[in-house]
Every structure is written in C-alpha cells, then in structure tokens.
PDB file of N, CA and C in Angstrom:
ATOM      1  N   MET A   1     -15.861 -16.866 -11.024  1.00  0.00           N
ATOM      2  CA  MET A   1     -16.584 -15.847 -11.280  1.00  0.00           C
ATOM      3  C   MET A   1     -17.400 -15.910 -12.623  1.00  0.00           C
ATOM      4  N   ASP A   2     -19.063 -15.786 -12.261  1.00  0.00           N
ATOM      5  CA  ASP A   2     -19.729 -15.019 -13.589  1.00  0.00           C
ATOM      6  C   ASP A   2     -18.986 -14.214 -14.897  1.00  0.00           C
ATOM      7  N   THR A   3     -20.013 -13.855 -15.319  1.00  0.00           N
ATOM      8  CA  THR A   3     -19.688 -12.692 -16.746  1.00  0.00           C
ATOM      9  C   THR A   3     -21.030 -11.926 -16.139  1.00  0.00           C
ATOM     10  N   ASP A   4     -21.387 -12.152 -15.611  1.00  0.00           N
ATOM     11  CA  ASP A   4     -22.433 -10.788 -15.063  1.00  0.00           C
ATOM     12  C   ASP A   4     -21.465 -10.191 -14.157  1.00  0.00           C
ATOM     13  N   TRP A   5     -21.241 -10.506 -13.158  1.00  0.00           N
ATOM     14  CA  TRP A   5     -19.729  -9.642 -12.524  1.00  0.00           C
ATOM     15  C   TRP A   5     -19.527  -9.341 -12.789  1.00  0.00           C
ATOM     16  N   THR A   6     -18.698  -9.700 -14.699  1.00  0.00           N
ATOM     17  CA  THR A   6     -17.722  -9.075 -14.723  1.00  0.00           C
ATOM     18  C   THR A   6     -17.843  -8.418 -16.116  1.00  0.00           C
ATOM     19  N   GLN A   7     -18.880  -8.455 -16.421  1.00  0.00           N
ATOM     20  CA  GLN A   7     -19.433  -7.452 -17.100  1.00  0.00           C
ATOM     21  C   GLN A   7     -19.678  -5.930 -16.064  1.00  0.00           C
ATOM     22  N   SER A   8     -20.257  -6.669 -15.418  1.00  0.00           N
ATOM     23  CA  SER A   8     -20.171  -5.576 -14.193  1.00  0.00           C
ATOM     24  C   SER A   8     -19.929  -4.864 -13.575  1.00  0.00           C
ATOM     25  N   LEU A   9     -17.986  -5.609 -13.840  1.00  0.00           N
ATOM     26  CA  LEU A   9     -17.283  -5.099 -13.048  1.00  0.00           C
ATOM     27  C   LEU A   9     -16.319  -3.994 -14.086  1.00  0.00           C
ATOM     28  N   ARG A  10     -16.568  -4.175 -15.399  1.00  0.00           N
ATOM     29  CA  ARG A  10     -15.898  -3.899 -15.900  1.00  0.00           C
ATOM     30  C   ARG A  10     -15.690  -2.857 -16.867  1.00  0.00           C
ATOM     31  N   GLU A  11     -17.571  -2.873 -16.870  1.00  0.00           N
ATOM     32  CA  GLU A  11     -18.277  -1.240 -16.878  1.00  0.00           C
ATOM     33  C   GLU A  11     -17.734  -0.136 -16.170  1.00  0.00           C
ATOM     34  N   LYS A  12     -18.175  -0.312 -14.606  1.00  0.00           N
ATOM     35  CA  LYS A  12     -17.666   0.386 -13.969  1.00  0.00           C
ATOM     36  C   LYS A  12     -16.441  -0.027 -14.057  1.00  0.00           C
ATOM     37  N   LEU A  13     -15.688  -0.487 -14.332  1.00  0.00           N
ATOM     38  CA  LEU A  13     -14.026   0.680 -14.209  1.00  0.00           C
ATOM     39  C   LEU A  13     -13.347   1.470 -15.559  1.00  0.00           C
ATOM     40  N   ASP A  14     -14.607   1.166 -16.242  1.00  0.00           N
ATOM     41  CA  ASP A  14     -14.497   1.977 -17.261  1.00  0.00           C
ATOM     42  C   ASP A  14     -14.951   3.337 -17.536  1.00  0.00           C
ATOM     43  N   LYS A  15     -15.830   3.647 -15.922  1.00  0.00           N
ATOM     44  CA  LYS A  15     -16.520   4.519 -16.556  1.00  0.00           C
ATOM     45  C   LYS A  15     -15.474   5.449 -14.675  1.00  0.00           C
ATOM     46  N   HIS A  16     -14.853   4.800 -13.898  1.00  0.00           N
ATOM     47  CA  HIS A  16     -13.857   5.585 -13.266  1.00  0.00           C
ATOM     48  C   HIS A  16     -13.117   6.056 -13.355  1.00  0.00           C
ATOM     49  N   TYR A  17     -11.954   4.686 -14.572  1.00  0.00           N
ATOM     50  CA  TYR A  17     -11.080   5.193 -15.360  1.00  0.00           C
ATOM     51  C   TYR A  17     -10.450   4.964 -16.425  1.00  0.00           C
ATOM     52  N   ALA A  18      -9.427   6.085 -16.998  1.00  0.00           N
ATOM     53  CA  ALA A  18      -8.735   6.246 -18.420  1.00  0.00           C
ATOM     54  C   ALA A  18      -7.470   5.373 -18.758  1.00  0.00           C
ATOM     55  N   TRP A  19      -8.022   4.482 -20.052  1.00  0.00           N
ATOM     56  CA  TRP A  19      -6.948   3.414 -19.166  1.00  0.00           C
ATOM     57  C   TRP A  19      -6.109   3.749 -20.288  1.00  0.00           C
ATOM     58  N   PRO A  20      -4.374   3.567 -20.117  1.00  0.00           N
ATOM     59  CA  PRO A  20      -3.878   3.327 -19.578  1.00  0.00           C
ATOM     60  C   PRO A  20      -3.988   4.045 -17.762  1.00  0.00           C
ATOM     61  N   ALA A  21      -4.271   3.466 -16.520  1.00  0.00           N
ATOM     62  CA  ALA A  21      -4.251   3.393 -15.755  1.00  0.00           C
ATOM     63  C   ALA A  21      -3.219   2.722 -14.300  1.00  0.00           C
ATOM     64  N   LEU A  22      -2.922   4.474 -13.739  1.00  0.00           N
ATOM     65  CA  LEU A  22      -2.359   2.648 -12.134  1.00  0.00           C
ATOM     66  C   LEU A  22      -3.229   3.248 -11.593  1.00  0.00           C
ATOM     67  N   TYR A  23      -3.743   2.272 -10.783  1.00  0.00           N
ATOM     68  CA  TYR A  23      -5.296   0.476 -10.545  1.00  0.00           C
ATOM     69  C   TYR A  23      -3.721   0.154  -9.186  1.00  0.00           C
ATOM     70  N   ILE A  24      -5.082   0.523  -7.910  1.00  0.00           N
ATOM     71  CA  ILE A  24      -4.117   0.008  -6.796  1.00  0.00           C
ATOM     72  C   ILE A  24      -5.067  -1.233  -6.366  1.00  0.00           C
ATOM     73  N   PHE A  25      -4.766  -2.045  -5.827  1.00  0.00           N
ATOM     74  CA  PHE A  25      -5.449  -3.542  -6.100  1.00  0.00           C
ATOM     75  C   PHE A  25      -5.224  -3.833  -3.832  1.00  0.00           C
ATOM     76  N   LYS A  26      -6.022  -4.462  -3.121  1.00  0.00           N
ATOM     77  CA  LYS A  26      -6.280  -4.721  -1.688  1.00  0.00           C
ATOM     78  C   LYS A  26      -6.382  -6.035  -1.391  1.00  0.00           C
ATOM     79  N   PHE A  27      -6.000  -6.962  -1.218  1.00  0.00           N
ATOM     80  CA  PHE A  27      -5.959  -8.240  -0.481  1.00  0.00           C
ATOM     81  C   PHE A  27      -5.676  -8.276   0.527  1.00  0.00           C
ATOM     82  N   ILE A  28      -6.439  -9.396   1.384  1.00  0.00           N
ATOM     83  CA  ILE A  28      -6.459  -9.390   2.510  1.00  0.00           C
ATOM     84  C   ILE A  28      -6.049 -11.317   2.548  1.00  0.00           C
ATOM     85  N   VAL A  29      -4.800 -11.767   3.057  1.00  0.00           N
ATOM     86  CA  VAL A  29      -4.935 -13.638   2.643  1.00  0.00           C
ATOM     87  C   VAL A  29      -4.046 -13.521   4.307  1.00  0.00           C
ATOM     88  N   PRO A  30      -4.307 -14.651   4.849  1.00  0.00           N
ATOM     89  CA  PRO A  30      -4.591 -15.559   6.266  1.00  0.00           C
ATOM     90  C   PRO A  30      -3.178 -15.602   6.033  1.00  0.00           C
ATOM     91  N   LYS A  31      -2.218 -15.268   7.322  1.00  0.00           N
ATOM     92  CA  LYS A  31      -1.019 -15.233   7.332  1.00  0.00           C
ATOM     93  C   LYS A  31      -0.314 -16.983   6.912  1.00  0.00           C
ATOM     94  N   GLY A  32       0.899 -16.607   6.142  1.00  0.00           N
ATOM     95  CA  GLY A  32       0.811 -17.133   5.230  1.00  0.00           C
ATOM     96  C   GLY A  32       0.201 -17.736   4.016  1.00  0.00           C
ATOM     97  N   LYS A  33      -0.128 -16.713   3.240  1.00  0.00           N
ATOM     98  CA  LYS A  33      -0.627 -16.822   2.048  1.00  0.00           C
ATOM     99  C   LYS A  33      -0.411 -16.235   1.702  1.00  0.00           C
ATOM    100  N   GLU A  34       0.277 -15.185   2.271  1.00  0.00           N
ATOM    101  CA  GLU A  34       0.915 -14.123   1.135  1.00  0.00           C
ATOM    102  C   GLU A  34       2.230 -14.176   0.564  1.00  0.00           C
ATOM    103  N   GLY A  35       2.722 -15.814   0.158  1.00  0.00           N
ATOM    104  CA  GLY A  35       3.418 -16.052  -0.654  1.00  0.00           C
ATOM    105  C   GLY A  35       2.819 -15.571  -2.048  1.00  0.00           C
ATOM    106  N   GLU A  36       1.784 -16.625  -1.862  1.00  0.00           N
ATOM    107  CA  GLU A  36       1.065 -16.903  -3.061  1.00  0.00           C
ATOM    108  C   GLU A  36       0.062 -15.480  -3.974  1.00  0.00           C
ATOM    109  N   VAL A  37       0.512 -14.113  -3.367  1.00  0.00           N
ATOM    110  CA  VAL A  37      -0.833 -13.198  -3.609  1.00  0.00           C
ATOM    111  C   VAL A  37       1.085 -12.555  -4.308  1.00  0.00           C
ATOM    112  N   LYS A  38       2.023 -12.996  -4.111  1.00  0.00           N
ATOM    113  CA  LYS A  38       3.084 -11.404  -4.334  1.00  0.00           C
ATOM    114  C   LYS A  38       3.589 -12.583  -5.400  1.00  0.00           C
ATOM    115  N   GLN A  39       3.951 -13.379  -5.718  1.00  0.00           N
ATOM    116  CA  GLN A  39       4.244 -14.859  -6.917  1.00  0.00           C
ATOM    117  C   GLN A  39       2.894 -14.172  -8.121  1.00  0.00           C
ATOM    118  N   LEU A  40       2.249 -14.335  -8.043  1.00  0.00           N
ATOM    119  CA  LEU A  40       1.773 -13.278  -9.246  1.00  0.00           C
ATOM    120  C   LEU A  40       2.458 -11.639  -9.670  1.00  0.00           C
ATOM    121  N   PHE A  41       3.077 -10.380  -8.662  1.00  0.00           N
ATOM    122  CA  PHE A  41       2.734  -9.728  -9.064  1.00  0.00           C
ATOM    123  C   PHE A  41       4.768  -9.672  -8.991  1.00  0.00           C
ATOM    124  N   PRO A  42       5.875 -10.476  -9.707  1.00  0.00           N
ATOM    125  CA  PRO A  42       6.494 -10.635  -9.144  1.00  0.00           C
ATOM    126  C   PRO A  42       7.549  -9.096  -9.560  1.00  0.00           C
ATOM    127  N   LEU A  43       6.765  -8.250 -10.390  1.00  0.00           N
ATOM    128  CA  LEU A  43       8.214  -6.840 -10.904  1.00  0.00           C
ATOM    129  C   LEU A  43       6.987  -5.745 -10.054  1.00  0.00           C
ATOM    130  N   HIS A  44       6.862  -5.445  -9.101  1.00  0.00           N
ATOM    131  CA  HIS A  44       6.331  -4.850  -7.803  1.00  0.00           C
ATOM    132  C   HIS A  44       5.893  -4.851  -7.053  1.00  0.00           C
ATOM    133  N   ILE A  45       6.235  -4.063  -5.783  1.00  0.00           N
ATOM    134  CA  ILE A  45       6.392  -4.303  -5.016  1.00  0.00           C
ATOM    135  C   ILE A  45       5.217  -4.267  -3.831  1.00  0.00           C
ATOM    136  N   VAL A  46       5.228  -4.956  -3.563  1.00  0.00           N
ATOM    137  CA  VAL A  46       3.868  -5.569  -2.315  1.00  0.00           C
ATOM    138  C   VAL A  46       3.997  -4.915  -0.698  1.00  0.00           C
ATOM    139  N   LYS A  47       3.467  -4.018  -0.878  1.00  0.00           N
ATOM    140  CA  LYS A  47       2.751  -3.411   0.821  1.00  0.00           C
ATOM    141  C   LYS A  47       2.879  -4.417   1.740  1.00  0.00           C
ATOM    142  N   GLU A  48       3.047  -4.878   3.072  1.00  0.00           N
ATOM    143  CA  GLU A  48       2.746  -5.638   3.980  1.00  0.00           C
ATOM    144  C   GLU A  48       2.149  -4.920   4.857  1.00  0.00           C
ATOM    145  N   LYS A  49       1.213  -5.313   5.751  1.00  0.00           N
ATOM    146  CA  LYS A  49       0.449  -4.261   6.777  1.00  0.00           C
ATOM    147  C   LYS A  49       0.167  -5.493   7.455  1.00  0.00           C
ATOM    148  N   VAL A  50       0.856  -6.857   9.102  1.00  0.00           N
ATOM    149  CA  VAL A  50       0.609  -7.035   9.392  1.00  0.00           C
ATOM    150  C   VAL A  50      -1.033  -7.036  11.223  1.00  0.00           C
ATOM    151  N   SER A  51      -2.130  -7.609  10.386  1.00  0.00           N
ATOM    152  CA  SER A  51      -3.254  -7.565  11.750  1.00  0.00           C
ATOM    153  C   SER A  51      -2.954  -7.814  13.109  1.00  0.00           C
ATOM    154  N   LYS A  52      -3.910  -6.779  14.160  1.00  0.00           N
ATOM    155  CA  LYS A  52      -3.392  -6.816  14.636  1.00  0.00           C
ATOM    156  C   LYS A  52      -3.241  -8.083  15.808  1.00  0.00           C
ATOM    157  N   ASN A  53      -4.102  -9.315  15.414  1.00  0.00           N
ATOM    158  CA  ASN A  53      -3.115 -10.202  16.344  1.00  0.00           C
ATOM    159  C   ASN A  53      -2.957 -11.029  15.857  1.00  0.00           C
ATOM    160  N   GLY A  54      -2.184 -10.532  14.849  1.00  0.00           N
ATOM    161  CA  GLY A  54      -1.255 -11.411  13.804  1.00  0.00           C
ATOM    162  C   GLY A  54      -1.744 -12.719  12.797  1.00  0.00           C
ATOM    163  N   ASN A  55      -2.709 -12.946  12.379  1.00  0.00           N
ATOM    164  CA  ASN A  55      -4.130 -13.695  11.514  1.00  0.00           C
ATOM    165  C   ASN A  55      -4.166 -13.584  10.452  1.00  0.00           C
ATOM    166  N   PHE A  56      -3.555 -12.252   9.630  1.00  0.00           N
ATOM    167  CA  PHE A  56      -4.067 -11.993   8.549  1.00  0.00           C
ATOM    168  C   PHE A  56      -2.831 -10.823   7.988  1.00  0.00           C
ATOM    169  N   ILE A  57      -2.840 -10.762   7.000  1.00  0.00           N
ATOM    170  CA  ILE A  57      -1.486 -10.469   5.918  1.00  0.00           C
ATOM    171  C   ILE A  57      -2.448  -8.855   4.908  1.00  0.00           C
ATOM    172  N   SER A  58      -2.154  -8.439   5.416  1.00  0.00           N
ATOM    173  CA  SER A  58      -3.521  -7.009   3.839  1.00  0.00           C
ATOM    174  C   SER A  58      -1.912  -6.704   3.018  1.00  0.00           C
ATOM    175  N   LEU A  59      -2.132  -6.958   1.481  1.00  0.00           N
ATOM    176  CA  LEU A  59      -1.376  -6.648   0.684  1.00  0.00           C
ATOM    177  C   LEU A  59      -1.585  -5.331  -0.005  1.00  0.00           C
ATOM    178  N   THR A  60      -1.359  -4.269  -1.219  1.00  0.00           N
ATOM    179  CA  THR A  60      -1.248  -3.337  -1.547  1.00  0.00           C
ATOM    180  C   THR A  60      -0.501  -3.532  -2.220  1.00  0.00           C
ATOM    181  N   ILE A  61      -0.753  -3.366  -3.936  1.00  0.00           N
ATOM    182  CA  ILE A  61       0.196  -3.675  -5.365  1.00  0.00           C
ATOM    183  C   ILE A  61      -0.806  -2.622  -5.926  1.00  0.00           C
ATOM    184  N   GLN A  62       0.392  -1.299  -5.971  1.00  0.00           N
ATOM    185  CA  GLN A  62      -0.320  -0.214  -7.349  1.00  0.00           C
ATOM    186  C   GLN A  62       0.879  -0.836  -8.624  1.00  0.00           C
ATOM    187  N   MET A  63       0.173  -0.918  -9.474  1.00  0.00           N
ATOM    188  CA  MET A  63       0.563  -0.998 -11.848  1.00  0.00           C
ATOM    189  C   MET A  63      -0.869   0.063 -12.402  1.00  0.00           C
ATOM    190  N   MET A  64      -0.008  -0.024 -12.809  1.00  0.00           N
ATOM    191  CA  MET A  64      -0.097   0.289 -13.977  1.00  0.00           C
ATOM    192  C   MET A  64      -1.266  -0.797 -14.935  1.00  0.00           C
ATOM    193  N   ILE A  65      -1.810  -0.329 -14.861  1.00  0.00           N
ATOM    194  CA  ILE A  65      -2.730  -1.104 -15.669  1.00  0.00           C
ATOM    195  C   ILE A  65      -3.555  -0.696 -17.279  1.00  0.00           C
ATOM    196  N   PRO A  66      -3.192  -1.438 -18.812  1.00  0.00           N
ATOM    197  CA  PRO A  66      -3.671  -0.396 -19.939  1.00  0.00           C
ATOM    198  C   PRO A  66      -5.379  -1.174 -20.034  1.00  0.00           C
ATOM    199  N   THR A  67      -5.665  -2.349 -19.362  1.00  0.00           N
ATOM    200  CA  THR A  67      -6.923  -1.990 -19.831  1.00  0.00           C
ATOM    201  C   THR A  67      -8.342  -2.841 -18.566  1.00  0.00           C
ATOM    202  N   SER A  68      -9.343  -2.441 -18.359  1.00  0.00           N
ATOM    203  CA  SER A  68     -10.405  -3.276 -17.646  1.00  0.00           C
ATOM    204  C   SER A  68     -10.379  -4.657 -17.670  1.00  0.00           C
ATOM    205  N   ASP A  69     -10.112  -5.087 -18.696  1.00  0.00           N
ATOM    206  CA  ASP A  69      -9.595  -7.105 -18.875  1.00  0.00           C
ATOM    207  C   ASP A  69      -8.808  -6.788 -18.073  1.00  0.00           C
ATOM    208  N   THR A  70      -7.790  -6.392 -17.663  1.00  0.00           N
ATOM    209  CA  THR A  70      -6.308  -5.878 -17.254  1.00  0.00           C
ATOM    210  C   THR A  70      -6.572  -7.156 -15.615  1.00  0.00           C
ATOM    211  N   VAL A  71      -7.668  -5.707 -15.137  1.00  0.00           N
ATOM    212  CA  VAL A  71      -7.432  -5.638 -14.330  1.00  0.00           C
ATOM    213  C   VAL A  71      -8.219  -7.138 -13.496  1.00  0.00           C
ATOM    214  N   ILE A  72      -9.218  -7.319 -14.286  1.00  0.00           N
ATOM    215  CA  ILE A  72     -10.691  -8.377 -14.333  1.00  0.00           C
ATOM    216  C   ILE A  72      -9.750  -9.744 -14.475  1.00  0.00           C
ATOM    217  N   ASP A  73      -8.613  -9.542 -15.229  1.00  0.00           N
ATOM    218  CA  ASP A  73      -7.216 -10.880 -14.833  1.00  0.00           C
ATOM    219  C   ASP A  73      -6.738 -11.523 -13.858  1.00  0.00           C
ATOM    220  N   VAL A  74      -6.729 -10.085 -12.765  1.00  0.00           N
ATOM    221  CA  VAL A  74      -5.404 -10.333 -12.127  1.00  0.00           C
ATOM    222  C   VAL A  74      -6.678 -10.684 -10.401  1.00  0.00           C
ATOM    223  N   TYR A  75      -7.824 -10.417 -10.626  1.00  0.00           N
ATOM    224  CA  TYR A  75      -9.067 -10.995  -9.870  1.00  0.00           C
ATOM    225  C   TYR A  75      -9.544 -11.981 -10.703  1.00  0.00           C
ATOM    226  N   LEU A  76      -9.921 -12.521 -11.193  1.00  0.00           N
ATOM    227  CA  LEU A  76      -9.358 -14.230 -11.037  1.00  0.00           C
ATOM    228  C   LEU A  76      -9.264 -14.813 -10.471  1.00  0.00           C
ATOM    229  N   LYS A  77      -7.405 -14.393 -10.968  1.00  0.00           N
ATOM    230  CA  LYS A  77      -6.273 -15.292 -10.906  1.00  0.00           C
ATOM    231  C   LYS A  77      -6.000 -15.346  -9.291  1.00  0.00           C
ATOM    232  N   THR A  78      -5.942 -14.079  -8.096  1.00  0.00           N
ATOM    233  CA  THR A  78      -5.943 -14.665  -7.509  1.00  0.00           C
ATOM    234  C   THR A  78      -7.319 -14.962  -6.309  1.00  0.00           C
ATOM    235  N   ALA A  79      -8.484 -15.559  -7.208  1.00  0.00           N
ATOM    236  CA  ALA A  79      -9.673 -15.692  -6.574  1.00  0.00           C
ATOM    237  C   ALA A  79      -8.689 -17.260  -6.415  1.00  0.00           C
ATOM    238  N   LYS A  80      -8.904 -17.782  -6.564  1.00  0.00           N
ATOM    239  CA  LYS A  80      -8.107 -18.914  -6.846  1.00  0.00           C
ATOM    240  C   LYS A  80      -7.143 -19.441  -5.714  1.00  0.00           C
ATOM    241  N   ILE A  81      -7.329 -18.374  -4.899  1.00  0.00           N
ATOM    242  CA  ILE A  81      -5.872 -18.120  -2.828  1.00  0.00           C
ATOM    243  C   ILE A  81      -7.597 -18.555  -2.273  1.00  0.00           C
ATOM    244  N   GLU A  82      -6.958 -19.281  -1.605  1.00  0.00           N
ATOM    245  CA  GLU A  82      -8.084 -19.976  -0.306  1.00  0.00           C
ATOM    246  C   GLU A  82      -7.713 -18.905   0.749  1.00  0.00           C
ATOM    247  N   GLY A  83      -8.819 -18.201   1.179  1.00  0.00           N
ATOM    248  CA  GLY A  83      -9.159 -17.922   1.775  1.00  0.00           C
ATOM    249  C   GLY A  83      -8.956 -15.931   1.732  1.00  0.00           C
ATOM    250  N   LEU A  84      -8.440 -16.099   0.821  1.00  0.00           N
ATOM    251  CA  LEU A  84      -8.150 -14.490   0.176  1.00  0.00           C
ATOM    252  C   LEU A  84      -9.774 -13.817   0.639  1.00  0.00           C
ATOM    253  N   ILE A  85      -9.830 -12.281   0.451  1.00  0.00           N
ATOM    254  CA  ILE A  85     -10.993 -11.642   0.751  1.00  0.00           C
ATOM    255  C   ILE A  85     -10.076  -9.984  -0.315  1.00  0.00           C
ATOM    256  N   ALA A  86     -10.841  -9.820  -1.498  1.00  0.00           N
ATOM    257  CA  ALA A  86     -10.350  -8.148  -2.581  1.00  0.00           C
ATOM    258  C   ALA A  86     -11.127  -6.873  -1.299  1.00  0.00           C
ATOM    259  N   LEU A  87     -10.164  -6.368  -1.373  1.00  0.00           N
ATOM    260  CA  LEU A  87     -11.202  -5.035  -1.815  1.00  0.00           C
ATOM    261  C   LEU A  87     -11.174  -3.769  -2.631  1.00  0.00           C
TER     262      LEU A  87
END
C-alpha cells in the first residue's frame, strides 16, 4: 500500500480517535479463508457471520489499540490474504 494511503488513514484515525481506543475491524473473506484472519488475532474473540449463499464469511474483531500506526499495521497484514475485503 502506498504512503499516501497510509498517511491519509493515519490522519483520519487520529482525528476521530483518542488513543488508546477500542477499534472494530470488519473483514469479508471467501469461505475457507477465515482461519488466515483468525490466526492474526489469537488473543481476541472473532465474531463470524456466514453470507446468505454461504460463499463468504464476515469477521468482526474488537481490539484495544494503542495508536493509529497499530491499526495500519493490522490492515497491512490482512491485505496479504487473498480475497479479503476490509470494511
């Protein structure tokens, strides 16, 4: 991901959150890829919801995050998962 994107996201996060803060990550992945996301969050509860046709899984993770850079790090790690959509 380019530096313009990360800088823009950092500015938006810092404008809307007072760190540390509870942050909610939401992802949609093709069925079978949910394990790849869950392994990135071994200490957190991951809520799952299967799509109507069962082809996709929605994942929601709440985390106490210390800084906007930590949020960006999570998005960079999850971006490597094929088919993942971050909301």
